mmCIF file of all heavy atoms, coordinates in Angstrom:
data_MODEL
# 
_entry.id   MODEL 
# 
loop_
_atom_site.group_PDB 
_atom_site.id 
_atom_site.type_symbol 
_atom_site.label_atom_id 
_atom_site.label_alt_id 
_atom_site.label_comp_id 
_atom_site.label_asym_id 
_atom_site.label_entity_id 
_atom_site.label_seq_id 
_atom_site.pdbx_PDB_ins_code 
_atom_site.Cartn_x 
_atom_site.Cartn_y 
_atom_site.Cartn_z 
_atom_site.occupancy 
_atom_site.B_iso_or_equiv 
_atom_site.pdbx_formal_charge 
_atom_site.auth_seq_id 
_atom_site.auth_comp_id 
_atom_site.auth_asym_id 
_atom_site.auth_atom_id 
_atom_site.pdbx_PDB_model_num 
ATOM 1   N N   . GLY A 1 1  ? 109.769 76.737 116.182 1.00 0.00 ? 1  GLY A N   1 
ATOM 2   C CA  . GLY A 1 1  ? 109.778 78.232 115.887 1.00 0.00 ? 1  GLY A CA  1 
ATOM 3   C C   . GLY A 1 1  ? 108.374 78.776 115.536 1.00 0.00 ? 1  GLY A C   1 
ATOM 4   O O   . GLY A 1 1  ? 108.252 79.963 115.235 1.00 0.00 ? 1  GLY A O   1 
ATOM 5   N N   . GLY A 1 2  ? 107.390 77.824 115.329 1.00 0.00 ? 2  GLY A N   1 
ATOM 6   C CA  . GLY A 1 2  ? 106.078 78.381 115.107 1.00 0.00 ? 2  GLY A CA  1 
ATOM 7   C C   . GLY A 1 2  ? 105.491 78.189 113.666 1.00 0.00 ? 2  GLY A C   1 
ATOM 8   O O   . GLY A 1 2  ? 104.431 78.414 113.368 1.00 0.00 ? 2  GLY A O   1 
ATOM 9   N N   . SER A 1 3  ? 106.432 77.681 112.805 1.00 0.00 ? 3  SER A N   1 
ATOM 10  C CA  . SER A 1 3  ? 105.972 77.392 111.344 1.00 0.00 ? 3  SER A CA  1 
ATOM 11  C C   . SER A 1 3  ? 105.073 76.231 111.382 1.00 0.00 ? 3  SER A C   1 
ATOM 12  O O   . SER A 1 3  ? 105.287 75.227 112.100 1.00 0.00 ? 3  SER A O   1 
ATOM 13  C CB  . SER A 1 3  ? 107.227 77.180 110.533 1.00 0.00 ? 3  SER A CB  1 
ATOM 14  O OG  . SER A 1 3  ? 107.950 78.399 110.470 1.00 0.00 ? 3  SER A OG  1 
ATOM 15  N N   . THR A 1 4  ? 104.046 76.192 110.574 1.00 0.00 ? 4  THR A N   1 
ATOM 16  C CA  . THR A 1 4  ? 103.144 75.165 110.336 1.00 0.00 ? 4  THR A CA  1 
ATOM 17  C C   . THR A 1 4  ? 103.043 74.634 108.982 1.00 0.00 ? 4  THR A C   1 
ATOM 18  O O   . THR A 1 4  ? 103.293 75.415 108.033 1.00 0.00 ? 4  THR A O   1 
ATOM 19  C CB  . THR A 1 4  ? 101.820 75.518 110.919 1.00 0.00 ? 4  THR A CB  1 
ATOM 20  O OG1 . THR A 1 4  ? 101.300 76.631 110.189 1.00 0.00 ? 4  THR A OG1 1 
ATOM 21  C CG2 . THR A 1 4  ? 101.817 75.807 112.306 1.00 0.00 ? 4  THR A CG2 1 
ATOM 22  N N   . ASN A 1 5  ? 102.616 73.317 108.743 1.00 0.00 ? 5  ASN A N   1 
ATOM 23  C CA  . ASN A 1 5  ? 102.498 72.876 107.441 1.00 0.00 ? 5  ASN A CA  1 
ATOM 24  C C   . ASN A 1 5  ? 101.402 71.844 107.575 1.00 0.00 ? 5  ASN A C   1 
ATOM 25  O O   . ASN A 1 5  ? 101.204 71.190 108.577 1.00 0.00 ? 5  ASN A O   1 
ATOM 26  C CB  . ASN A 1 5  ? 103.667 72.359 106.785 1.00 0.00 ? 5  ASN A CB  1 
ATOM 27  C CG  . ASN A 1 5  ? 104.363 71.232 107.670 1.00 0.00 ? 5  ASN A CG  1 
ATOM 28  O OD1 . ASN A 1 5  ? 103.922 70.110 107.510 1.00 0.00 ? 5  ASN A OD1 1 
ATOM 29  N ND2 . ASN A 1 5  ? 105.380 71.535 108.458 1.00 0.00 ? 5  ASN A ND2 1 
ATOM 30  N N   . TYR A 1 6  ? 100.669 71.731 106.438 1.00 0.00 ? 6  TYR A N   1 
ATOM 31  C CA  . TYR A 1 6  ? 99.502  70.715 106.376 1.00 0.00 ? 6  TYR A CA  1 
ATOM 32  C C   . TYR A 1 6  ? 99.486  69.902 105.156 1.00 0.00 ? 6  TYR A C   1 
ATOM 33  O O   . TYR A 1 6  ? 99.975  70.283 104.101 1.00 0.00 ? 6  TYR A O   1 
ATOM 34  C CB  . TYR A 1 6  ? 98.199  71.603 106.346 1.00 0.00 ? 6  TYR A CB  1 
ATOM 35  C CG  . TYR A 1 6  ? 98.119  72.405 107.649 1.00 0.00 ? 6  TYR A CG  1 
ATOM 36  C CD1 . TYR A 1 6  ? 98.551  73.727 107.673 1.00 0.00 ? 6  TYR A CD1 1 
ATOM 37  C CD2 . TYR A 1 6  ? 97.488  71.946 108.795 1.00 0.00 ? 6  TYR A CD2 1 
ATOM 38  C CE1 . TYR A 1 6  ? 98.456  74.517 108.856 1.00 0.00 ? 6  TYR A CE1 1 
ATOM 39  C CE2 . TYR A 1 6  ? 97.443  72.628 109.993 1.00 0.00 ? 6  TYR A CE2 1 
ATOM 40  C CZ  . TYR A 1 6  ? 97.862  73.964 109.972 1.00 0.00 ? 6  TYR A CZ  1 
ATOM 41  O OH  . TYR A 1 6  ? 97.718  74.733 111.173 1.00 0.00 ? 6  TYR A OH  1 
ATOM 42  N N   . ALA A 1 7  ? 98.948  68.767 105.243 1.00 0.00 ? 7  ALA A N   1 
ATOM 43  C CA  . ALA A 1 7  ? 98.695  67.941 104.094 1.00 0.00 ? 7  ALA A CA  1 
ATOM 44  C C   . ALA A 1 7  ? 97.644  68.593 103.184 1.00 0.00 ? 7  ALA A C   1 
ATOM 45  O O   . ALA A 1 7  ? 96.741  69.307 103.754 1.00 0.00 ? 7  ALA A O   1 
ATOM 46  C CB  . ALA A 1 7  ? 98.238  66.525 104.457 1.00 0.00 ? 7  ALA A CB  1 
ATOM 47  N N   . ASP A 1 8  ? 97.791  68.355 101.934 1.00 0.00 ? 8  ASP A N   1 
ATOM 48  C CA  . ASP A 1 8  ? 96.718  69.054 101.093 1.00 0.00 ? 8  ASP A CA  1 
ATOM 49  C C   . ASP A 1 8  ? 95.312  68.743 101.394 1.00 0.00 ? 8  ASP A C   1 
ATOM 50  O O   . ASP A 1 8  ? 94.472  69.532 101.268 1.00 0.00 ? 8  ASP A O   1 
ATOM 51  C CB  . ASP A 1 8  ? 97.125  68.683 99.558  1.00 0.00 ? 8  ASP A CB  1 
ATOM 52  C CG  . ASP A 1 8  ? 98.365  69.382 99.061  1.00 0.00 ? 8  ASP A CG  1 
ATOM 53  O OD1 . ASP A 1 8  ? 98.860  70.364 99.701  1.00 0.00 ? 8  ASP A OD1 1 
ATOM 54  O OD2 . ASP A 1 8  ? 98.903  68.877 98.041  1.00 0.00 ? 8  ASP A OD2 1 
ATOM 55  N N   . SER A 1 9  ? 95.157  67.520 101.881 1.00 0.00 ? 9  SER A N   1 
ATOM 56  C CA  . SER A 1 9  ? 93.819  66.991 102.173 1.00 0.00 ? 9  SER A CA  1 
ATOM 57  C C   . SER A 1 9  ? 93.027  67.736 103.230 1.00 0.00 ? 9  SER A C   1 
ATOM 58  O O   . SER A 1 9  ? 91.882  67.725 103.440 1.00 0.00 ? 9  SER A O   1 
ATOM 59  C CB  . SER A 1 9  ? 93.851  65.454 102.381 1.00 0.00 ? 9  SER A CB  1 
ATOM 60  O OG  . SER A 1 9  ? 94.724  65.226 103.466 1.00 0.00 ? 9  SER A OG  1 
ATOM 61  N N   . VAL A 1 10 ? 93.903  68.402 104.129 1.00 0.00 ? 10 VAL A N   1 
ATOM 62  C CA  . VAL A 1 10 ? 93.361  69.007 105.355 1.00 0.00 ? 10 VAL A CA  1 
ATOM 63  C C   . VAL A 1 10 ? 93.517  70.549 105.389 1.00 0.00 ? 10 VAL A C   1 
ATOM 64  O O   . VAL A 1 10 ? 93.043  71.249 106.216 1.00 0.00 ? 10 VAL A O   1 
ATOM 65  C CB  . VAL A 1 10 ? 93.820  68.482 106.657 1.00 0.00 ? 10 VAL A CB  1 
ATOM 66  C CG1 . VAL A 1 10 ? 93.619  66.867 106.614 1.00 0.00 ? 10 VAL A CG1 1 
ATOM 67  C CG2 . VAL A 1 10 ? 95.288  68.773 106.901 1.00 0.00 ? 10 VAL A CG2 1 
ATOM 68  N N   . LYS A 1 11 ? 94.279  71.048 104.381 1.00 0.00 ? 11 LYS A N   1 
ATOM 69  C CA  . LYS A 1 11 ? 94.658  72.490 104.331 1.00 0.00 ? 11 LYS A CA  1 
ATOM 70  C C   . LYS A 1 11 ? 93.461  73.276 104.331 1.00 0.00 ? 11 LYS A C   1 
ATOM 71  O O   . LYS A 1 11 ? 92.486  73.040 103.548 1.00 0.00 ? 11 LYS A O   1 
ATOM 72  C CB  . LYS A 1 11 ? 95.584  72.683 103.094 1.00 0.00 ? 11 LYS A CB  1 
ATOM 73  C CG  . LYS A 1 11 ? 96.386  74.035 103.243 1.00 0.00 ? 11 LYS A CG  1 
ATOM 74  C CD  . LYS A 1 11 ? 97.406  74.034 102.062 1.00 0.00 ? 11 LYS A CD  1 
ATOM 75  C CE  . LYS A 1 11 ? 98.576  72.938 102.258 1.00 0.00 ? 11 LYS A CE  1 
ATOM 76  N NZ  . LYS A 1 11 ? 99.557  73.014 101.194 1.00 0.00 ? 11 LYS A NZ  1 
ATOM 77  N N   . GLY A 1 12 ? 93.452  74.291 105.149 1.00 0.00 ? 12 GLY A N   1 
ATOM 78  C CA  . GLY A 1 12 ? 92.286  75.209 105.173 1.00 0.00 ? 12 GLY A CA  1 
ATOM 79  C C   . GLY A 1 12 ? 91.199  74.724 106.153 1.00 0.00 ? 12 GLY A C   1 
ATOM 80  O O   . GLY A 1 12 ? 90.226  75.505 106.366 1.00 0.00 ? 12 GLY A O   1 
ATOM 81  N N   . ARG A 1 13 ? 91.235  73.521 106.601 1.00 0.00 ? 13 ARG A N   1 
ATOM 82  C CA  . ARG A 1 13 ? 90.201  72.889 107.501 1.00 0.00 ? 13 ARG A CA  1 
ATOM 83  C C   . ARG A 1 13 ? 90.751  72.596 108.915 1.00 0.00 ? 13 ARG A C   1 
ATOM 84  O O   . ARG A 1 13 ? 90.004  72.698 109.842 1.00 0.00 ? 13 ARG A O   1 
ATOM 85  C CB  . ARG A 1 13 ? 89.636  71.711 106.880 1.00 0.00 ? 13 ARG A CB  1 
ATOM 86  C CG  . ARG A 1 13 ? 88.991  71.880 105.576 1.00 0.00 ? 13 ARG A CG  1 
ATOM 87  C CD  . ARG A 1 13 ? 88.243  70.599 105.059 1.00 0.00 ? 13 ARG A CD  1 
ATOM 88  N NE  . ARG A 1 13 ? 89.093  69.541 104.785 1.00 0.00 ? 13 ARG A NE  1 
ATOM 89  C CZ  . ARG A 1 13 ? 89.016  68.380 105.567 1.00 0.00 ? 13 ARG A CZ  1 
ATOM 90  N NH1 . ARG A 1 13 ? 88.058  68.170 106.374 1.00 0.00 ? 13 ARG A NH1 1 
ATOM 91  N NH2 . ARG A 1 13 ? 89.889  67.317 105.253 1.00 0.00 ? 13 ARG A NH2 1 
ATOM 92  N N   . PHE A 1 14 ? 92.022  72.154 108.903 1.00 0.00 ? 14 PHE A N   1 
ATOM 93  C CA  . PHE A 1 14 ? 92.590  71.859 110.276 1.00 0.00 ? 14 PHE A CA  1 
ATOM 94  C C   . PHE A 1 14 ? 93.619  72.875 110.620 1.00 0.00 ? 14 PHE A C   1 
ATOM 95  O O   . PHE A 1 14 ? 94.359  73.487 109.812 1.00 0.00 ? 14 PHE A O   1 
ATOM 96  C CB  . PHE A 1 14 ? 93.448  70.557 110.067 1.00 0.00 ? 14 PHE A CB  1 
ATOM 97  C CG  . PHE A 1 14 ? 92.547  69.341 109.958 1.00 0.00 ? 14 PHE A CG  1 
ATOM 98  C CD1 . PHE A 1 14 ? 91.174  69.368 109.727 1.00 0.00 ? 14 PHE A CD1 1 
ATOM 99  C CD2 . PHE A 1 14 ? 93.099  68.008 110.025 1.00 0.00 ? 14 PHE A CD2 1 
ATOM 100 C CE1 . PHE A 1 14 ? 90.420  68.329 109.508 1.00 0.00 ? 14 PHE A CE1 1 
ATOM 101 C CE2 . PHE A 1 14 ? 92.408  66.877 109.973 1.00 0.00 ? 14 PHE A CE2 1 
ATOM 102 C CZ  . PHE A 1 14 ? 90.996  66.934 109.672 1.00 0.00 ? 14 PHE A CZ  1 
ATOM 103 N N   . THR A 1 15 ? 93.768  73.143 111.992 1.00 0.00 ? 15 THR A N   1 
ATOM 104 C CA  . THR A 1 15 ? 94.688  74.082 112.509 1.00 0.00 ? 15 THR A CA  1 
ATOM 105 C C   . THR A 1 15 ? 95.441  73.423 113.722 1.00 0.00 ? 15 THR A C   1 
ATOM 106 O O   . THR A 1 15 ? 94.838  72.992 114.605 1.00 0.00 ? 15 THR A O   1 
ATOM 107 C CB  . THR A 1 15 ? 93.999  75.385 113.014 1.00 0.00 ? 15 THR A CB  1 
ATOM 108 O OG1 . THR A 1 15 ? 93.326  75.951 111.886 1.00 0.00 ? 15 THR A OG1 1 
ATOM 109 C CG2 . THR A 1 15 ? 95.000  76.371 113.427 1.00 0.00 ? 15 THR A CG2 1 
ATOM 110 N N   . ILE A 1 16 ? 96.743  73.343 113.556 1.00 0.00 ? 16 ILE A N   1 
ATOM 111 C CA  . ILE A 1 16 ? 97.612  72.864 114.585 1.00 0.00 ? 16 ILE A CA  1 
ATOM 112 C C   . ILE A 1 16 ? 98.192  73.940 115.477 1.00 0.00 ? 16 ILE A C   1 
ATOM 113 O O   . ILE A 1 16 ? 98.380  75.070 115.061 1.00 0.00 ? 16 ILE A O   1 
ATOM 114 C CB  . ILE A 1 16 ? 98.762  71.999 114.050 1.00 0.00 ? 16 ILE A CB  1 
ATOM 115 C CG1 . ILE A 1 16 ? 99.531  71.313 115.082 1.00 0.00 ? 16 ILE A CG1 1 
ATOM 116 C CG2 . ILE A 1 16 ? 99.733  72.941 113.244 1.00 0.00 ? 16 ILE A CG2 1 
ATOM 117 C CD1 . ILE A 1 16 ? 100.618 70.340 114.570 1.00 0.00 ? 16 ILE A CD1 1 
ATOM 118 N N   . SER A 1 17 ? 98.244  73.645 116.709 1.00 0.00 ? 17 SER A N   1 
ATOM 119 C CA  . SER A 1 17 ? 98.837  74.635 117.744 1.00 0.00 ? 17 SER A CA  1 
ATOM 120 C C   . SER A 1 17 ? 99.581  73.903 118.843 1.00 0.00 ? 17 SER A C   1 
ATOM 121 O O   . SER A 1 17 ? 99.267  72.690 119.045 1.00 0.00 ? 17 SER A O   1 
ATOM 122 C CB  . SER A 1 17 ? 97.661  75.466 118.366 1.00 0.00 ? 17 SER A CB  1 
ATOM 123 O OG  . SER A 1 17 ? 96.739  74.740 119.071 1.00 0.00 ? 17 SER A OG  1 
ATOM 124 N N   . ARG A 1 18 ? 100.575 74.560 119.393 1.00 0.00 ? 18 ARG A N   1 
ATOM 125 C CA  . ARG A 1 18 ? 101.301 73.942 120.422 1.00 0.00 ? 18 ARG A CA  1 
ATOM 126 C C   . ARG A 1 18 ? 101.581 74.807 121.542 1.00 0.00 ? 18 ARG A C   1 
ATOM 127 O O   . ARG A 1 18 ? 101.678 76.110 121.348 1.00 0.00 ? 18 ARG A O   1 
ATOM 128 C CB  . ARG A 1 18 ? 102.607 73.406 119.804 1.00 0.00 ? 18 ARG A CB  1 
ATOM 129 C CG  . ARG A 1 18 ? 103.375 74.497 119.059 1.00 0.00 ? 18 ARG A CG  1 
ATOM 130 C CD  . ARG A 1 18 ? 104.602 73.973 118.374 1.00 0.00 ? 18 ARG A CD  1 
ATOM 131 N NE  . ARG A 1 18 ? 105.613 73.561 119.233 1.00 0.00 ? 18 ARG A NE  1 
ATOM 132 C CZ  . ARG A 1 18 ? 106.589 72.721 118.804 1.00 0.00 ? 18 ARG A CZ  1 
ATOM 133 N NH1 . ARG A 1 18 ? 106.725 72.264 117.545 1.00 0.00 ? 18 ARG A NH1 1 
ATOM 134 N NH2 . ARG A 1 18 ? 107.563 72.306 119.737 1.00 0.00 ? 18 ARG A NH2 1 
ATOM 135 N N   . ASP A 1 19 ? 101.791 74.354 122.746 1.00 0.00 ? 19 ASP A N   1 
ATOM 136 C CA  . ASP A 1 19 ? 102.139 75.116 123.981 1.00 0.00 ? 19 ASP A CA  1 
ATOM 137 C C   . ASP A 1 19 ? 103.231 74.466 124.631 1.00 0.00 ? 19 ASP A C   1 
ATOM 138 O O   . ASP A 1 19 ? 103.085 73.531 125.358 1.00 0.00 ? 19 ASP A O   1 
ATOM 139 C CB  . ASP A 1 19 ? 100.895 75.229 124.888 1.00 0.00 ? 19 ASP A CB  1 
ATOM 140 C CG  . ASP A 1 19 ? 101.047 76.181 126.048 1.00 0.00 ? 19 ASP A CG  1 
ATOM 141 O OD1 . ASP A 1 19 ? 102.308 76.372 126.421 1.00 0.00 ? 19 ASP A OD1 1 
ATOM 142 O OD2 . ASP A 1 19 ? 100.092 76.764 126.587 1.00 0.00 ? 19 ASP A OD2 1 
ATOM 143 N N   . GLY A 1 20 ? 104.414 75.061 124.357 1.00 0.00 ? 20 GLY A N   1 
ATOM 144 C CA  . GLY A 1 20 ? 105.609 74.463 124.875 1.00 0.00 ? 20 GLY A CA  1 
ATOM 145 C C   . GLY A 1 20 ? 105.769 74.474 126.358 1.00 0.00 ? 20 GLY A C   1 
ATOM 146 O O   . GLY A 1 20 ? 106.233 73.550 127.034 1.00 0.00 ? 20 GLY A O   1 
ATOM 147 N N   . ALA A 1 21 ? 105.126 75.518 126.896 1.00 0.00 ? 21 ALA A N   1 
ATOM 148 C CA  . ALA A 1 21 ? 105.239 75.657 128.351 1.00 0.00 ? 21 ALA A CA  1 
ATOM 149 C C   . ALA A 1 21 ? 104.284 74.604 129.105 1.00 0.00 ? 21 ALA A C   1 
ATOM 150 O O   . ALA A 1 21 ? 104.747 74.199 130.229 1.00 0.00 ? 21 ALA A O   1 
ATOM 151 C CB  . ALA A 1 21 ? 104.773 77.123 128.822 1.00 0.00 ? 21 ALA A CB  1 
ATOM 152 N N   . LYS A 1 22 ? 103.282 74.367 128.495 1.00 0.00 ? 22 LYS A N   1 
ATOM 153 C CA  . LYS A 1 22 ? 102.433 73.207 129.012 1.00 0.00 ? 22 LYS A CA  1 
ATOM 154 C C   . LYS A 1 22 ? 102.611 71.857 128.466 1.00 0.00 ? 22 LYS A C   1 
ATOM 155 O O   . LYS A 1 22 ? 101.971 70.864 128.848 1.00 0.00 ? 22 LYS A O   1 
ATOM 156 C CB  . LYS A 1 22 ? 100.955 73.659 128.818 1.00 0.00 ? 22 LYS A CB  1 
ATOM 157 C CG  . LYS A 1 22 ? 100.516 74.995 129.508 1.00 0.00 ? 22 LYS A CG  1 
ATOM 158 C CD  . LYS A 1 22 ? 99.076  75.249 129.263 1.00 0.00 ? 22 LYS A CD  1 
ATOM 159 C CE  . LYS A 1 22 ? 98.609  76.556 129.971 1.00 0.00 ? 22 LYS A CE  1 
ATOM 160 N NZ  . LYS A 1 22 ? 97.272  76.829 129.700 1.00 0.00 ? 22 LYS A NZ  1 
ATOM 161 N N   . ASN A 1 23 ? 103.533 71.691 127.496 1.00 0.00 ? 23 ASN A N   1 
ATOM 162 C CA  . ASN A 1 23 ? 103.810 70.406 126.842 1.00 0.00 ? 23 ASN A CA  1 
ATOM 163 C C   . ASN A 1 23 ? 102.503 69.849 126.186 1.00 0.00 ? 23 ASN A C   1 
ATOM 164 O O   . ASN A 1 23 ? 102.203 68.528 126.385 1.00 0.00 ? 23 ASN A O   1 
ATOM 165 C CB  . ASN A 1 23 ? 104.419 69.487 127.839 1.00 0.00 ? 23 ASN A CB  1 
ATOM 166 C CG  . ASN A 1 23 ? 105.800 69.904 128.322 1.00 0.00 ? 23 ASN A CG  1 
ATOM 167 O OD1 . ASN A 1 23 ? 106.549 70.304 127.498 1.00 0.00 ? 23 ASN A OD1 1 
ATOM 168 N ND2 . ASN A 1 23 ? 106.038 69.946 129.557 1.00 0.00 ? 23 ASN A ND2 1 
ATOM 169 N N   . THR A 1 24 ? 101.767 70.752 125.594 1.00 0.00 ? 24 THR A N   1 
ATOM 170 C CA  . THR A 1 24 ? 100.525 70.219 124.986 1.00 0.00 ? 24 THR A CA  1 
ATOM 171 C C   . THR A 1 24 ? 100.513 70.621 123.549 1.00 0.00 ? 24 THR A C   1 
ATOM 172 O O   . THR A 1 24 ? 101.198 71.626 123.070 1.00 0.00 ? 24 THR A O   1 
ATOM 173 C CB  . THR A 1 24 ? 99.366  70.710 125.657 1.00 0.00 ? 24 THR A CB  1 
ATOM 174 O OG1 . THR A 1 24 ? 99.320  72.126 125.716 1.00 0.00 ? 24 THR A OG1 1 
ATOM 175 C CG2 . THR A 1 24 ? 99.218  70.213 127.089 1.00 0.00 ? 24 THR A CG2 1 
ATOM 176 N N   . MET A 1 25 ? 99.636  70.014 122.806 1.00 0.00 ? 25 MET A N   1 
ATOM 177 C CA  . MET A 1 25 ? 99.460  70.262 121.297 1.00 0.00 ? 25 MET A CA  1 
ATOM 178 C C   . MET A 1 25 ? 98.027  70.066 121.126 1.00 0.00 ? 25 MET A C   1 
ATOM 179 O O   . MET A 1 25 ? 97.333  69.174 121.695 1.00 0.00 ? 25 MET A O   1 
ATOM 180 C CB  . MET A 1 25 ? 100.362 69.472 120.473 1.00 0.00 ? 25 MET A CB  1 
ATOM 181 C CG  . MET A 1 25 ? 100.382 69.792 119.038 1.00 0.00 ? 25 MET A CG  1 
ATOM 182 S SD  . MET A 1 25 ? 101.792 69.030 118.193 1.00 0.00 ? 25 MET A SD  1 
ATOM 183 C CE  . MET A 1 25 ? 101.242 67.323 118.322 1.00 0.00 ? 25 MET A CE  1 
ATOM 184 N N   . SER A 1 26 ? 97.377  70.773 120.139 1.00 0.00 ? 26 SER A N   1 
ATOM 185 C CA  . SER A 1 26 ? 96.078  70.666 119.738 1.00 0.00 ? 26 SER A CA  1 
ATOM 186 C C   . SER A 1 26 ? 95.880  70.559 118.209 1.00 0.00 ? 26 SER A C   1 
ATOM 187 O O   . SER A 1 26 ? 96.797  70.953 117.416 1.00 0.00 ? 26 SER A O   1 
ATOM 188 C CB  . SER A 1 26 ? 95.236  71.881 120.279 1.00 0.00 ? 26 SER A CB  1 
ATOM 189 O OG  . SER A 1 26 ? 95.219  71.840 121.706 1.00 0.00 ? 26 SER A OG  1 
# 
């Protein structure tokens, strides 16, 4: 549904994204 969460150690530095149509994630 698009919600994201991060470990405290990477919060604010890492960004996750996903593309369901292409079956990819970054």
